[in-house]
Amino acid sequence: MQFYLETEELNLLADVLLEQDLQKYGELLNKVMSRDLRFDADEFLQAADLLADKKSRLTDEIARQTNVALKGQLLQKLVLVERVLDKVNECCVMF
């Protein structure tokens, strides 16, 4: 199974991991930062959970946002989160 992320997608995953407890997710963050995407099943599940949470928070923020320009930026980020989440979920199914 080949797991591949574009640079923009890797950066997003790193940003999501940086928002978390580094003691719990530090090893996964190190893999992402070194572009070593040979995750085990648990790491894929962790990434999927974090991305799903990020998607939920972004969706809520978009719903509350009144600034059209900021809302557009958030929508672009949401599309990126969904794309990465889809790729991670595909890998979760393969395990």
PDB file of N, CA and C in Angstrom:
ATOM      1  N   MET A   1       0.847  -1.173   0.000  1.00  0.00           N
ATOM      2  CA  MET A   1       0.000   0.000   0.000  1.00  0.00           C
ATOM      3  C   MET A   1       0.893   1.236   0.000  1.00  0.00           C
ATOM      4  N   GLN A   2       0.609   2.166  -0.891  1.00  0.00           N
ATOM      5  CA  GLN A   2       1.382   3.398  -1.021  1.00  0.00           C
ATOM      6  C   GLN A   2       0.569   4.560  -0.474  1.00  0.00           C
ATOM      7  N   PHE A   3       1.130   5.237   0.524  1.00  0.00           N
ATOM      8  CA  PHE A   3       0.483   6.421   1.086  1.00  0.00           C
ATOM      9  C   PHE A   3       1.321   7.616   0.679  1.00  0.00           C
ATOM     10  N   TYR A   4       0.706   8.533  -0.045  1.00  0.00           N
ATOM     11  CA  TYR A   4       1.434   9.688  -0.561  1.00  0.00           C
ATOM     12  C   TYR A   4       0.637  10.952  -0.285  1.00  0.00           C
ATOM     13  N   LEU A   5       1.338  11.984   0.193  1.00  0.00           N
ATOM     14  CA  LEU A   5       0.723  13.290   0.398  1.00  0.00           C
ATOM     15  C   LEU A   5       1.542  14.349  -0.313  1.00  0.00           C
ATOM     16  N   GLU A   6       0.848  15.292  -0.924  1.00  0.00           N
ATOM     17  CA  GLU A   6       1.498  16.454  -1.525  1.00  0.00           C
ATOM     18  C   GLU A   6       2.069  17.319  -0.397  1.00  0.00           C
ATOM     19  N   THR A   7       2.959  18.240  -0.733  1.00  0.00           N
ATOM     20  CA  THR A   7       3.588  19.107   0.264  1.00  0.00           C
ATOM     21  C   THR A   7       2.552  19.871   1.074  1.00  0.00           C
ATOM     22  N   GLU A   8       1.554  20.425   0.406  1.00  0.00           N
ATOM     23  CA  GLU A   8       0.495  21.176   1.087  1.00  0.00           C
ATOM     24  C   GLU A   8      -0.255  20.275   2.081  1.00  0.00           C
ATOM     25  N   GLU A   9      -0.477  19.029   1.689  1.00  0.00           N
ATOM     26  CA  GLU A   9      -1.183  18.083   2.556  1.00  0.00           C
ATOM     27  C   GLU A   9      -0.321  17.682   3.748  1.00  0.00           C
ATOM     28  N   LEU A  10       0.971  17.477   3.501  1.00  0.00           N
ATOM     29  CA  LEU A  10       1.901  17.168   4.597  1.00  0.00           C
ATOM     30  C   LEU A  10       1.949  18.310   5.598  1.00  0.00           C
ATOM     31  N   ASN A  11       2.005  19.531   5.102  1.00  0.00           N
ATOM     32  CA  ASN A  11       2.044  20.702   5.975  1.00  0.00           C
ATOM     33  C   ASN A  11       0.786  20.789   6.831  1.00  0.00           C
ATOM     34  N   LEU A  12      -0.347  20.496   6.237  1.00  0.00           N
ATOM     35  CA  LEU A  12      -1.600  20.515   6.994  1.00  0.00           C
ATOM     36  C   LEU A  12      -1.568  19.463   8.100  1.00  0.00           C
ATOM     37  N   LEU A  13      -1.149  18.252   7.771  1.00  0.00           N
ATOM     38  CA  LEU A  13      -1.095  17.192   8.776  1.00  0.00           C
ATOM     39  C   LEU A  13      -0.131  17.563   9.897  1.00  0.00           C
ATOM     40  N   ALA A  14       0.994  18.144   9.543  1.00  0.00           N
ATOM     41  CA  ALA A  14       1.947  18.600  10.566  1.00  0.00           C
ATOM     42  C   ALA A  14       1.317  19.673  11.446  1.00  0.00           C
ATOM     43  N   ASP A  15       0.595  20.615  10.852  1.00  0.00           N
ATOM     44  CA  ASP A  15      -0.065  21.673  11.624  1.00  0.00           C
ATOM     45  C   ASP A  15      -1.097  21.086  12.591  1.00  0.00           C
ATOM     46  N   VAL A  16      -1.859  20.114  12.120  1.00  0.00           N
ATOM     47  CA  VAL A  16      -2.863  19.470  12.977  1.00  0.00           C
ATOM     48  C   VAL A  16      -2.175  18.764  14.145  1.00  0.00           C
ATOM     49  N   LEU A  17      -1.070  18.087  13.869  1.00  0.00           N
ATOM     50  CA  LEU A  17      -0.340  17.397  14.930  1.00  0.00           C
ATOM     51  C   LEU A  17       0.293  18.374  15.913  1.00  0.00           C
ATOM     52  N   LEU A  18       0.741  19.515  15.413  1.00  0.00           N
ATOM     53  CA  LEU A  18       1.345  20.526  16.292  1.00  0.00           C
ATOM     54  C   LEU A  18       0.334  21.124  17.270  1.00  0.00           C
ATOM     55  N   GLU A  19      -0.936  21.043  16.939  1.00  0.00           N
ATOM     56  CA  GLU A  19      -1.996  21.542  17.818  1.00  0.00           C
ATOM     57  C   GLU A  19      -2.285  20.577  18.973  1.00  0.00           C
ATOM     58  N   GLN A  20      -1.674  19.392  18.921  1.00  0.00           N
ATOM     59  CA  GLN A  20      -1.975  18.339  19.886  1.00  0.00           C
ATOM     60  C   GLN A  20      -0.897  18.234  20.959  1.00  0.00           C
ATOM     61  N   ASP A  21      -1.123  17.321  21.892  1.00  0.00           N
ATOM     62  CA  ASP A  21      -0.160  17.002  22.941  1.00  0.00           C
ATOM     63  C   ASP A  21       1.027  16.286  22.297  1.00  0.00           C
ATOM     64  N   LEU A  22       2.187  16.928  22.329  1.00  0.00           N
ATOM     65  CA  LEU A  22       3.363  16.358  21.666  1.00  0.00           C
ATOM     66  C   LEU A  22       3.853  15.088  22.342  1.00  0.00           C
ATOM     67  N   GLN A  23       3.545  14.901  23.613  1.00  0.00           N
ATOM     68  CA  GLN A  23       3.944  13.654  24.260  1.00  0.00           C
ATOM     69  C   GLN A  23       3.186  12.483  23.660  1.00  0.00           C
ATOM     70  N   LYS A  24       1.946  12.724  23.290  1.00  0.00           N
ATOM     71  CA  LYS A  24       1.120  11.656  22.721  1.00  0.00           C
ATOM     72  C   LYS A  24       1.351  11.484  21.212  1.00  0.00           C
ATOM     73  N   TYR A  25       1.562  12.593  20.518  1.00  0.00           N
ATOM     74  CA  TYR A  25       1.640  12.552  19.051  1.00  0.00           C
ATOM     75  C   TYR A  25       3.013  12.939  18.499  1.00  0.00           C
ATOM     76  N   GLY A  26       4.002  13.072  19.363  1.00  0.00           N
ATOM     77  CA  GLY A  26       5.329  13.504  18.938  1.00  0.00           C
ATOM     78  C   GLY A  26       5.983  12.580  17.928  1.00  0.00           C
ATOM     79  N   GLU A  27       5.849  11.277  18.135  1.00  0.00           N
ATOM     80  CA  GLU A  27       6.459  10.314  17.208  1.00  0.00           C
ATOM     81  C   GLU A  27       5.825  10.410  15.825  1.00  0.00           C
ATOM     82  N   LEU A  28       4.509  10.542  15.803  1.00  0.00           N
ATOM     83  CA  LEU A  28       3.813  10.685  14.526  1.00  0.00           C
ATOM     84  C   LEU A  28       4.202  11.997  13.850  1.00  0.00           C
ATOM     85  N   LEU A  29       4.321  13.060  14.627  1.00  0.00           N
ATOM     86  CA  LEU A  29       4.758  14.346  14.078  1.00  0.00           C
ATOM     87  C   LEU A  29       6.164  14.230  13.496  1.00  0.00           C
ATOM     88  N   ASN A  30       7.053  13.551  14.186  1.00  0.00           N
ATOM     89  CA  ASN A  30       8.415  13.362  13.668  1.00  0.00           C
ATOM     90  C   ASN A  30       8.406  12.636  12.329  1.00  0.00           C
ATOM     91  N   LYS A  31       7.552  11.639  12.194  1.00  0.00           N
ATOM     92  CA  LYS A  31       7.447  10.922  10.914  1.00  0.00           C
ATOM     93  C   LYS A  31       6.983  11.860   9.804  1.00  0.00           C
ATOM     94  N   VAL A  32       5.974  12.662  10.112  1.00  0.00           N
ATOM     95  CA  VAL A  32       5.434  13.578   9.102  1.00  0.00           C
ATOM     96  C   VAL A  32       6.493  14.609   8.721  1.00  0.00           C
ATOM     97  N   MET A  33       7.172  15.154   9.715  1.00  0.00           N
ATOM     98  CA  MET A  33       8.186  16.181   9.447  1.00  0.00           C
ATOM     99  C   MET A  33       9.349  15.631   8.620  1.00  0.00           C
ATOM    100  N   SER A  34       9.662  14.359   8.801  1.00  0.00           N
ATOM    101  CA  SER A  34      10.749  13.748   8.025  1.00  0.00           C
ATOM    102  C   SER A  34      10.228  13.073   6.748  1.00  0.00           C
ATOM    103  N   ARG A  35       8.935  13.266   6.480  1.00  0.00           N
ATOM    104  CA  ARG A  35       8.284  12.721   5.287  1.00  0.00           C
ATOM    105  C   ARG A  35       8.335  11.191   5.222  1.00  0.00           C
ATOM    106  N   ASP A  36       8.349  10.576   6.386  1.00  0.00           N
ATOM    107  CA  ASP A  36       8.317   9.118   6.507  1.00  0.00           C
ATOM    108  C   ASP A  36       6.872   8.710   6.756  1.00  0.00           C
ATOM    109  N   LEU A  37       6.180   8.381   5.698  1.00  0.00           N
ATOM    110  CA  LEU A  37       4.751   8.098   5.798  1.00  0.00           C
ATOM    111  C   LEU A  37       4.460   6.607   5.929  1.00  0.00           C
ATOM    112  N   ARG A  38       5.402   5.863   6.464  1.00  0.00           N
ATOM    113  CA  ARG A  38       5.182   4.437   6.706  1.00  0.00           C
ATOM    114  C   ARG A  38       4.514   4.287   8.069  1.00  0.00           C
ATOM    115  N   PHE A  39       3.220   4.627   8.108  1.00  0.00           N
ATOM    116  CA  PHE A  39       2.452   4.574   9.340  1.00  0.00           C
ATOM    117  C   PHE A  39       1.961   3.154   9.591  1.00  0.00           C
ATOM    118  N   ASP A  40       1.810   2.822  10.869  1.00  0.00           N
ATOM    119  CA  ASP A  40       1.142   1.566  11.192  1.00  0.00           C
ATOM    120  C   ASP A  40      -0.356   1.852  11.329  1.00  0.00           C
ATOM    121  N   ALA A  41      -1.137   0.809  11.577  1.00  0.00           N
ATOM    122  CA  ALA A  41      -2.594   0.953  11.632  1.00  0.00           C
ATOM    123  C   ALA A  41      -3.021   1.954  12.701  1.00  0.00           C
ATOM    124  N   ASP A  42      -2.393   1.905  13.866  1.00  0.00           N
ATOM    125  CA  ASP A  42      -2.750   2.829  14.947  1.00  0.00           C
ATOM    126  C   ASP A  42      -2.452   4.276  14.568  1.00  0.00           C
ATOM    127  N   GLU A  43      -1.352   4.505  13.892  1.00  0.00           N
ATOM    128  CA  GLU A  43      -0.997   5.868  13.474  1.00  0.00           C
ATOM    129  C   GLU A  43      -1.977   6.401  12.439  1.00  0.00           C
ATOM    130  N   PHE A  44      -2.420   5.536  11.528  1.00  0.00           N
ATOM    131  CA  PHE A  44      -3.438   5.966  10.566  1.00  0.00           C
ATOM    132  C   PHE A  44      -4.737   6.320  11.288  1.00  0.00           C
ATOM    133  N   LEU A  45      -5.110   5.510  12.270  1.00  0.00           N
ATOM    134  CA  LEU A  45      -6.333   5.785  13.028  1.00  0.00           C
ATOM    135  C   LEU A  45      -6.211   7.077  13.822  1.00  0.00           C
ATOM    136  N   GLN A  46      -5.056   7.316  14.429  1.00  0.00           N
ATOM    137  CA  GLN A  46      -4.826   8.562  15.155  1.00  0.00           C
ATOM    138  C   GLN A  46      -4.961   9.761  14.227  1.00  0.00           C
ATOM    139  N   ALA A  47      -4.310   9.671  13.071  1.00  0.00           N
ATOM    140  CA  ALA A  47      -4.372  10.762  12.098  1.00  0.00           C
ATOM    141  C   ALA A  47      -5.805  10.985  11.635  1.00  0.00           C
ATOM    142  N   ALA A  48      -6.533   9.898  11.390  1.00  0.00           N
ATOM    143  CA  ALA A  48      -7.925  10.022  10.940  1.00  0.00           C
ATOM    144  C   ALA A  48      -8.775  10.708  12.008  1.00  0.00           C
ATOM    145  N   ASP A  49      -8.595  10.332  13.263  1.00  0.00           N
ATOM    146  CA  ASP A  49      -9.364  10.945  14.351  1.00  0.00           C
ATOM    147  C   ASP A  49      -9.065  12.439  14.471  1.00  0.00           C
ATOM    148  N   LEU A  50      -7.787  12.790  14.398  1.00  0.00           N
ATOM    149  CA  LEU A  50      -7.395  14.197  14.519  1.00  0.00           C
ATOM    150  C   LEU A  50      -7.918  15.017  13.348  1.00  0.00           C
ATOM    151  N   LEU A  51      -7.840  14.463  12.155  1.00  0.00           N
ATOM    152  CA  LEU A  51      -8.336  15.175  10.977  1.00  0.00           C
ATOM    153  C   LEU A  51      -9.855  15.316  11.009  1.00  0.00           C
ATOM    154  N   ALA A  52     -10.552  14.295  11.478  1.00  0.00           N
ATOM    155  CA  ALA A  52     -12.009  14.373  11.585  1.00  0.00           C
ATOM    156  C   ALA A  52     -12.404  15.446  12.599  1.00  0.00           C
ATOM    157  N   ASP A  53     -11.658  15.528  13.694  1.00  0.00           N
ATOM    158  CA  ASP A  53     -11.911  16.573  14.682  1.00  0.00           C
ATOM    159  C   ASP A  53     -11.652  17.956  14.095  1.00  0.00           C
ATOM    160  N   LYS A  54     -10.563  18.084  13.349  1.00  0.00           N
ATOM    161  CA  LYS A  54     -10.235  19.365  12.705  1.00  0.00           C
ATOM    162  C   LYS A  54     -11.338  19.754  11.717  1.00  0.00           C
ATOM    163  N   LYS A  55     -11.825  18.791  10.959  1.00  0.00           N
ATOM    164  CA  LYS A  55     -12.906  19.044   9.999  1.00  0.00           C
ATOM    165  C   LYS A  55     -14.148  19.555  10.724  1.00  0.00           C
ATOM    166  N   SER A  56     -14.483  18.936  11.828  1.00  0.00           N
ATOM    167  CA  SER A  56     -15.652  19.344  12.604  1.00  0.00           C
ATOM    168  C   SER A  56     -15.486  20.768  13.146  1.00  0.00           C
ATOM    169  N   ARG A  57     -14.313  21.062  13.690  1.00  0.00           N
ATOM    170  CA  ARG A  57     -14.070  22.404  14.222  1.00  0.00           C
ATOM    171  C   ARG A  57     -14.106  23.458  13.123  1.00  0.00           C
ATOM    172  N   LEU A  58     -13.532  23.141  11.964  1.00  0.00           N
ATOM    173  CA  LEU A  58     -13.552  24.083  10.841  1.00  0.00           C
ATOM    174  C   LEU A  58     -14.979  24.324  10.349  1.00  0.00           C
ATOM    175  N   THR A  59     -15.761  23.261  10.264  1.00  0.00           N
ATOM    176  CA  THR A  59     -17.150  23.383   9.822  1.00  0.00           C
ATOM    177  C   THR A  59     -17.931  24.300  10.762  1.00  0.00           C
ATOM    178  N   ASP A  60     -17.721  24.123  12.062  1.00  0.00           N
ATOM    179  CA  ASP A  60     -18.383  24.987  13.044  1.00  0.00           C
ATOM    180  C   ASP A  60     -17.929  26.438  12.895  1.00  0.00           C
ATOM    181  N   GLU A  61     -16.626  26.625  12.709  1.00  0.00           N
ATOM    182  CA  GLU A  61     -16.085  27.981  12.575  1.00  0.00           C
ATOM    183  C   GLU A  61     -16.623  28.665  11.318  1.00  0.00           C
ATOM    184  N   ILE A  62     -16.739  27.912  10.234  1.00  0.00           N
ATOM    185  CA  ILE A  62     -17.279  28.464   8.986  1.00  0.00           C
ATOM    186  C   ILE A  62     -18.727  28.897   9.181  1.00  0.00           C
ATOM    187  N   ALA A  63     -19.488  28.089   9.895  1.00  0.00           N
ATOM    188  CA  ALA A  63     -20.902  28.411  10.124  1.00  0.00           C
ATOM    189  C   ALA A  63     -21.061  29.699  10.934  1.00  0.00           C
ATOM    190  N   ARG A  64     -20.127  29.970  11.837  1.00  0.00           N
ATOM    191  CA  ARG A  64     -20.214  31.168  12.685  1.00  0.00           C
ATOM    192  C   ARG A  64     -19.584  32.403  12.047  1.00  0.00           C
ATOM    193  N   GLN A  65     -18.768  32.203  11.031  1.00  0.00           N
ATOM    194  CA  GLN A  65     -18.003  33.297  10.449  1.00  0.00           C
ATOM    195  C   GLN A  65     -18.890  34.225   9.626  1.00  0.00           C
ATOM    196  N   THR A  66     -18.753  35.536   9.865  1.00  0.00           N
ATOM    197  CA  THR A  66     -19.530  36.523   9.102  1.00  0.00           C
ATOM    198  C   THR A  66     -18.675  37.228   8.049  1.00  0.00           C
ATOM    199  N   ASN A  67     -17.368  37.211   8.221  1.00  0.00           N
ATOM    200  CA  ASN A  67     -16.451  37.834   7.275  1.00  0.00           C
ATOM    201  C   ASN A  67     -16.325  36.928   6.053  1.00  0.00           C
ATOM    202  N   VAL A  68     -16.746  37.424   4.899  1.00  0.00           N
ATOM    203  CA  VAL A  68     -16.777  36.618   3.676  1.00  0.00           C
ATOM    204  C   VAL A  68     -15.373  36.173   3.250  1.00  0.00           C
ATOM    205  N   ALA A  69     -14.413  37.070   3.346  1.00  0.00           N
ATOM    206  CA  ALA A  69     -13.045  36.727   2.931  1.00  0.00           C
ATOM    207  C   ALA A  69     -12.467  35.627   3.829  1.00  0.00           C
ATOM    208  N   LEU A  70     -12.655  35.759   5.127  1.00  0.00           N
ATOM    209  CA  LEU A  70     -12.150  34.755   6.058  1.00  0.00           C
ATOM    210  C   LEU A  70     -12.883  33.433   5.880  1.00  0.00           C
ATOM    211  N   LYS A  71     -14.180  33.531   5.610  1.00  0.00           N
ATOM    212  CA  LYS A  71     -14.976  32.327   5.371  1.00  0.00           C
ATOM    213  C   LYS A  71     -14.446  31.573   4.149  1.00  0.00           C
ATOM    214  N   GLY A  72     -14.060  32.300   3.117  1.00  0.00           N
ATOM    215  CA  GLY A  72     -13.491  31.676   1.920  1.00  0.00           C
ATOM    216  C   GLY A  72     -12.187  30.962   2.215  1.00  0.00           C
ATOM    217  N   GLN A  73     -11.336  31.576   3.026  1.00  0.00           N
ATOM    218  CA  GLN A  73     -10.073  30.941   3.408  1.00  0.00           C
ATOM    219  C   GLN A  73     -10.320  29.673   4.215  1.00  0.00           C
ATOM    220  N   LEU A  74     -11.283  29.745   5.109  1.00  0.00           N
ATOM    221  CA  LEU A  74     -11.613  28.574   5.922  1.00  0.00           C
ATOM    222  C   LEU A  74     -12.183  27.445   5.062  1.00  0.00           C
ATOM    223  N   LEU A  75     -12.979  27.809   4.069  1.00  0.00           N
ATOM    224  CA  LEU A  75     -13.529  26.798   3.154  1.00  0.00           C
ATOM    225  C   LEU A  75     -12.417  26.106   2.367  1.00  0.00           C
ATOM    226  N   GLN A  76     -11.405  26.867   1.937  1.00  0.00           N
ATOM    227  CA  GLN A  76     -10.272  26.274   1.228  1.00  0.00           C
ATOM    228  C   GLN A  76      -9.524  25.304   2.135  1.00  0.00           C
ATOM    229  N   LYS A  77      -9.349  25.686   3.398  1.00  0.00           N
ATOM    230  CA  LYS A  77      -8.669  24.807   4.350  1.00  0.00           C
ATOM    231  C   LYS A  77      -9.507  23.556   4.609  1.00  0.00           C
ATOM    232  N   LEU A  78     -10.821  23.721   4.678  1.00  0.00           N
ATOM    233  CA  LEU A  78     -11.708  22.574   4.878  1.00  0.00           C
ATOM    234  C   LEU A  78     -11.587  21.580   3.730  1.00  0.00           C
ATOM    235  N   VAL A  79     -11.507  22.078   2.512  1.00  0.00           N
ATOM    236  CA  VAL A  79     -11.351  21.193   1.343  1.00  0.00           C
ATOM    237  C   VAL A  79     -10.049  20.400   1.463  1.00  0.00           C
ATOM    238  N   LEU A  80      -8.988  21.056   1.896  1.00  0.00           N
ATOM    239  CA  LEU A  80      -7.699  20.391   2.082  1.00  0.00           C
ATOM    240  C   LEU A  80      -7.788  19.341   3.184  1.00  0.00           C
ATOM    241  N   VAL A  81      -8.418  19.675   4.295  1.00  0.00           N
ATOM    242  CA  VAL A  81      -8.578  18.719   5.396  1.00  0.00           C
ATOM    243  C   VAL A  81      -9.358  17.496   4.913  1.00  0.00           C
ATOM    244  N   GLU A  82     -10.422  17.727   4.173  1.00  0.00           N
ATOM    245  CA  GLU A  82     -11.230  16.615   3.663  1.00  0.00           C
ATOM    246  C   GLU A  82     -10.433  15.730   2.713  1.00  0.00           C
ATOM    247  N   ARG A  83      -9.602  16.337   1.887  1.00  0.00           N
ATOM    248  CA  ARG A  83      -8.777  15.574   0.943  1.00  0.00           C
ATOM    249  C   ARG A  83      -7.782  14.678   1.692  1.00  0.00           C
ATOM    250  N   VAL A  84      -7.116  15.230   2.694  1.00  0.00           N
ATOM    251  CA  VAL A  84      -6.157  14.446   3.469  1.00  0.00           C
ATOM    252  C   VAL A  84      -6.886  13.366   4.264  1.00  0.00           C
ATOM    253  N   LEU A  85      -8.016  13.715   4.856  1.00  0.00           N
ATOM    254  CA  LEU A  85      -8.794  12.744   5.613  1.00  0.00           C
ATOM    255  C   LEU A  85      -9.234  11.586   4.720  1.00  0.00           C
ATOM    256  N   ASP A  86      -9.643  11.873   3.501  1.00  0.00           N
ATOM    257  CA  ASP A  86     -10.028  10.806   2.567  1.00  0.00           C
ATOM    258  C   ASP A  86      -8.864   9.861   2.297  1.00  0.00           C
ATOM    259  N   LYS A  87      -7.680  10.410   2.097  1.00  0.00           N
ATOM    260  CA  LYS A  87      -6.495   9.575   1.840  1.00  0.00           C
ATOM    261  C   LYS A  87      -6.155   8.717   3.053  1.00  0.00           C
ATOM    262  N   VAL A  88      -6.225   9.315   4.223  1.00  0.00           N
ATOM    263  CA  VAL A  88      -5.925   8.565   5.456  1.00  0.00           C
ATOM    264  C   VAL A  88      -6.980   7.470   5.675  1.00  0.00           C
ATOM    265  N   ASN A  89      -8.245   7.809   5.465  1.00  0.00           N
ATOM    266  CA  ASN A  89      -9.305   6.818   5.642  1.00  0.00           C
ATOM    267  C   ASN A  89      -9.162   5.653   4.675  1.00  0.00           C
ATOM    268  N   GLU A  90      -8.722   5.923   3.456  1.00  0.00           N
ATOM    269  CA  GLU A  90      -8.462   4.844   2.495  1.00  0.00           C
ATOM    270  C   GLU A  90      -7.445   3.868   3.054  1.00  0.00           C
ATOM    271  N   CYS A  91      -6.411   4.392   3.667  1.00  0.00           N
ATOM    272  CA  CYS A  91      -5.363   3.542   4.241  1.00  0.00           C
ATOM    273  C   CYS A  91      -5.887   2.781   5.458  1.00  0.00           C
ATOM    274  N   CYS A  92      -6.760   3.406   6.226  1.00  0.00           N
ATOM    275  CA  CYS A  92      -7.343   2.727   7.385  1.00  0.00           C
ATOM    276  C   CYS A  92      -8.135   1.496   6.940  1.00  0.00           C
ATOM    277  N   VAL A  93      -8.843   1.633   5.838  1.00  0.00           N
ATOM    278  CA  VAL A  93      -9.649   0.531   5.322  1.00  0.00           C
ATOM    279  C   VAL A  93      -8.764  -0.612   4.853  1.00  0.00           C
ATOM    280  N   MET A  94      -7.584  -0.292   4.355  1.00  0.00           N
ATOM    281  CA  MET A  94      -6.675  -1.307   3.825  1.00  0.00           C
ATOM    282  C   MET A  94      -6.050  -2.169   4.925  1.00  0.00           C
ATOM    283  N   PHE A  95      -6.055  -1.683   6.160  1.00  0.00           N
ATOM    284  CA  PHE A  95      -5.445  -2.467   7.247  1.00  0.00           C
ATOM    285  C   PHE A  95      -6.386  -3.494   7.766  1.00  0.00           C
TER     286      PHE A  95
END
